[in-house]
C-alpha atoms as a PDB file:
ATOM      1  CA  MET A   1     -12.519   0.306  11.096  1.00  0.00           C
ATOM      2  CA  PRO A   2     -10.140  -1.116   8.486  1.00  0.00           C
ATOM      3  CA  ALA A   3      -6.904  -2.885   9.379  1.00  0.00           C
ATOM      4  CA  ILE A   4      -3.641  -0.909   9.166  1.00  0.00           C
ATOM      5  CA  SER A   5      -1.425  -1.879   6.227  1.00  0.00           C
ATOM      6  CA  ARG A   6       2.220  -2.785   6.672  1.00  0.00           C
ATOM      7  CA  THR A   7       5.271  -3.326   4.492  1.00  0.00           C
ATOM      8  CA  GLY A   8       4.699  -6.446   2.389  1.00  0.00           C
ATOM      9  CA  ASP A   9       0.899  -6.586   2.806  1.00  0.00           C
ATOM     10  CA  LYS A  10      -0.964  -7.471  -0.405  1.00  0.00           C
ATOM     11  CA  VAL A  11      -2.050  -4.859  -2.951  1.00  0.00           C
ATOM     12  CA  LEU A  12      -4.226  -5.534  -6.022  1.00  0.00           C
ATOM     13  CA  SER A  13      -2.946  -3.866  -9.176  1.00  0.00           C
ATOM     14  CA  PRO A  14      -5.794  -3.651 -11.726  1.00  0.00           C
ATOM     15  CA  ASP A  15      -3.350  -2.275 -14.343  1.00  0.00           C
ATOM     16  CA  GLY A  16      -1.208  -5.296 -13.678  1.00  0.00           C
ATOM     17  CA  THR A  17       1.189  -6.740 -16.167  1.00  0.00           C
ATOM     18  CA  GLY A  18       0.850  -8.151 -19.645  1.00  0.00           C
ATOM     19  CA  LYS A  19       2.042  -7.572 -23.169  1.00  0.00           C
ATOM     20  CA  ASN A  20       0.524  -4.161 -23.971  1.00  0.00           C
ATOM     21  CA  CYS A  21      -2.611  -4.920 -21.974  1.00  0.00           C
ATOM     22  CA  ALA A  22      -3.868  -4.853 -18.432  1.00  0.00           C
ATOM     23  CA  ALA A  23      -3.978  -8.104 -16.504  1.00  0.00           C
ATOM     24  CA  PRO A  24      -4.703  -7.751 -12.762  1.00  0.00           C
ATOM     25  CA  MET A  25      -1.898  -8.905 -10.504  1.00  0.00           C
ATOM     26  CA  GLN A  26      -1.024  -9.019  -6.821  1.00  0.00           C
ATOM     27  CA  THR A  27       1.833  -6.825  -5.587  1.00  0.00           C
ATOM     28  CA  ALA A  28       2.671  -5.500  -2.109  1.00  0.00           C
ATOM     29  CA  CYS A  29       2.915  -2.411   0.043  1.00  0.00           C
ATOM     30  CA  GLY A  30       6.363  -0.944  -0.452  1.00  0.00           C
ATOM     31  CA  PRO A  31       8.990  -0.631   2.228  1.00  0.00           C
ATOM     32  CA  GLY A  32       8.293   1.551   5.223  1.00  0.00           C
ATOM     33  CA  ASN A  33      10.712   3.956   6.825  1.00  0.00           C
ATOM     34  CA  ALA A  34      13.001   2.333   9.411  1.00  0.00           C
ATOM     35  CA  LYS A  35      12.265   5.175  11.853  1.00  0.00           C
ATOM     36  CA  MET A  36       8.501   4.581  11.719  1.00  0.00           C
ATOM     37  CA  VAL A  37       6.126   2.707  13.966  1.00  0.00           C
ATOM     38  CA  ARG A  38       5.457  -1.023  13.631  1.00  0.00           C
ATOM     39  CA  ALA A  39       2.286  -3.095  13.884  1.00  0.00           C
ATOM     40  CA  ASN A  40       2.809  -6.788  14.670  1.00  0.00           C
ATOM     41  CA  GLY A  41       6.556  -6.185  14.287  1.00  0.00           C
ATOM     42  CA  ILE A  42       6.194  -4.893  10.693  1.00  0.00           C
ATOM     43  CA  LEU A  43       6.632  -1.272   9.566  1.00  0.00           C
ATOM     44  CA  ILE A  44       3.344   0.594   9.046  1.00  0.00           C
ATOM     45  CA  VAL A  45       2.741   2.157   5.631  1.00  0.00           C
ATOM     46  CA  HIS A  46       1.816   5.843   5.479  1.00  0.00           C
ATOM     47  CA  GLU A  47       0.969   8.591   3.012  1.00  0.00           C
ATOM     48  CA  GLY A  48       3.643   9.324   0.441  1.00  0.00           C
ATOM     49  CA  LEU A  49       5.330   5.892   0.534  1.00  0.00           C
ATOM     50  CA  GLN A  50       5.526   3.880  -2.726  1.00  0.00           C
ATOM     51  CA  VAL A  51       3.874   0.614  -3.628  1.00  0.00           C
ATOM     52  CA  ALA A  52       6.375  -2.182  -4.333  1.00  0.00           C
ATOM     53  CA  PRO A  53       7.522  -1.342  -7.900  1.00  0.00           C
ATOM     54  CA  HIS A  54       5.893  -3.620 -10.471  1.00  0.00           C
ATOM     55  CA  PRO A  55       5.130  -3.654 -14.225  1.00  0.00           C
ATOM     56  CA  LYS A  56       2.163  -1.558 -15.329  1.00  0.00           C
ATOM     57  CA  GLY A  57       0.283  -2.533 -18.468  1.00  0.00           C
ATOM     58  CA  GLY A  58       3.310  -4.473 -19.658  1.00  0.00           C
ATOM     59  CA  CYS A  59       5.141  -1.292 -20.626  1.00  0.00           C
ATOM     60  CA  SER A  60       6.238   0.836 -17.688  1.00  0.00           C
ATOM     61  CA  LEU A  61       7.122   0.559 -14.029  1.00  0.00           C
ATOM     62  CA  ASP A  62       4.392   1.506 -11.527  1.00  0.00           C
ATOM     63  CA  THR A  63       5.820   3.372  -8.538  1.00  0.00           C
ATOM     64  CA  SER A  64       2.600   5.017  -7.310  1.00  0.00           C
ATOM     65  CA  VAL A  65       2.545   6.490  -3.800  1.00  0.00           C
ATOM     66  CA  LEU A  66      -0.144   5.987  -1.148  1.00  0.00           C
ATOM     67  CA  THR A  67      -2.818   8.540  -2.079  1.00  0.00           C
ATOM     68  CA  THR A  68      -5.635   7.632   0.321  1.00  0.00           C
ATOM     69  CA  PHE A  69      -5.049   7.071   4.033  1.00  0.00           C
ATOM     70  CA  SER A  70      -6.501   7.717   7.489  1.00  0.00           C
ATOM     71  CA  ALA A  71      -7.459  11.314   8.192  1.00  0.00           C
ATOM     72  CA  THR A  72      -7.326  10.740  11.952  1.00  0.00           C
ATOM     73  CA  VAL A  73      -4.526   8.252  12.702  1.00  0.00           C
ATOM     74  CA  ARG A  74      -0.982   9.403  11.972  1.00  0.00           C
ATOM     75  CA  VAL A  75       2.574   8.093  12.234  1.00  0.00           C
ATOM     76  CA  ASN A  76       5.111  10.921  12.528  1.00  0.00           C
ATOM     77  CA  GLY A  77       2.525  13.333  11.116  1.00  0.00           C
ATOM     78  CA  LYS A  78       1.546  11.180   8.089  1.00  0.00           C
ATOM     79  CA  GLY A  79      -1.779   9.357   7.652  1.00  0.00           C
ATOM     80  CA  VAL A  80      -1.530   5.562   7.963  1.00  0.00           C
ATOM     81  CA  GLY A  81      -2.542   3.225   5.141  1.00  0.00           C
ATOM     82  CA  ARG A  82      -5.358   0.720   5.648  1.00  0.00           C
ATOM     83  CA  ILE A  83      -7.167  -2.018   3.762  1.00  0.00           C
ATOM     84  CA  GLY A  84      -9.112  -0.288   0.963  1.00  0.00           C
ATOM     85  CA  ASP A  85      -6.696   2.649   0.650  1.00  0.00           C
ATOM     86  CA  LYS A  86      -4.988   3.222  -2.682  1.00  0.00           C
ATOM     87  CA  TYR A  87      -1.618   3.677  -4.314  1.00  0.00           C
ATOM     88  CA  GLY A  88      -2.930   5.428  -7.443  1.00  0.00           C
ATOM     89  CA  ASN A  89      -5.162   2.719  -8.989  1.00  0.00           C
ATOM     90  CA  ASN A  90      -3.721  -0.044  -6.773  1.00  0.00           C
ATOM     91  CA  ILE A  91      -5.882  -1.127  -3.824  1.00  0.00           C
ATOM     92  CA  VAL A  92      -4.552  -2.398  -0.466  1.00  0.00           C
ATOM     93  CA  THR A  93      -6.179  -5.786   0.205  1.00  0.00           C
ATOM     94  CA  GLN A  94      -4.335  -6.996   3.321  1.00  0.00           C
ATOM     95  CA  GLY A  95      -3.502  -5.551   6.717  1.00  0.00           C
ATOM     96  CA  SER A  96      -2.753  -6.263  10.345  1.00  0.00           C
ATOM     97  CA  PRO A  97      -4.881  -8.947  11.997  1.00  0.00           C
ATOM     98  CA  SER A  98      -5.087  -6.908  15.200  1.00  0.00           C
ATOM     99  CA  VAL A  99      -4.375  -3.187  14.574  1.00  0.00           C
ATOM    100  CA  PHE A 100      -7.111  -0.985  13.098  1.00  0.00           C
ATOM    101  CA  ALA A 101      -7.487   2.727  12.254  1.00  0.00           C
ATOM    102  CA  GLY A 102     -10.392   5.026  11.403  1.00  0.00           C
END
């Protein structure tokens, strides 16, 4: 089972930033909702929340939302994000060291 992702965990952006070209960059899971559940004291990310806004292809701002998530583990009715889940083309690469979800 993959680790649950939390606000601030690392996300790889293959579109990245650069002058009119893609250059992969590291960004982060966007802020969670203050009313949500925490893992290791950090808010858990769930479906529909945005990635931390970052440049996309050097031209526009990427504000993709979490589009893949757990089908079985939910926080307030929304699937939790995990390592390997995606915000559009952005891939979650970091998660909790001790909380996992199928």
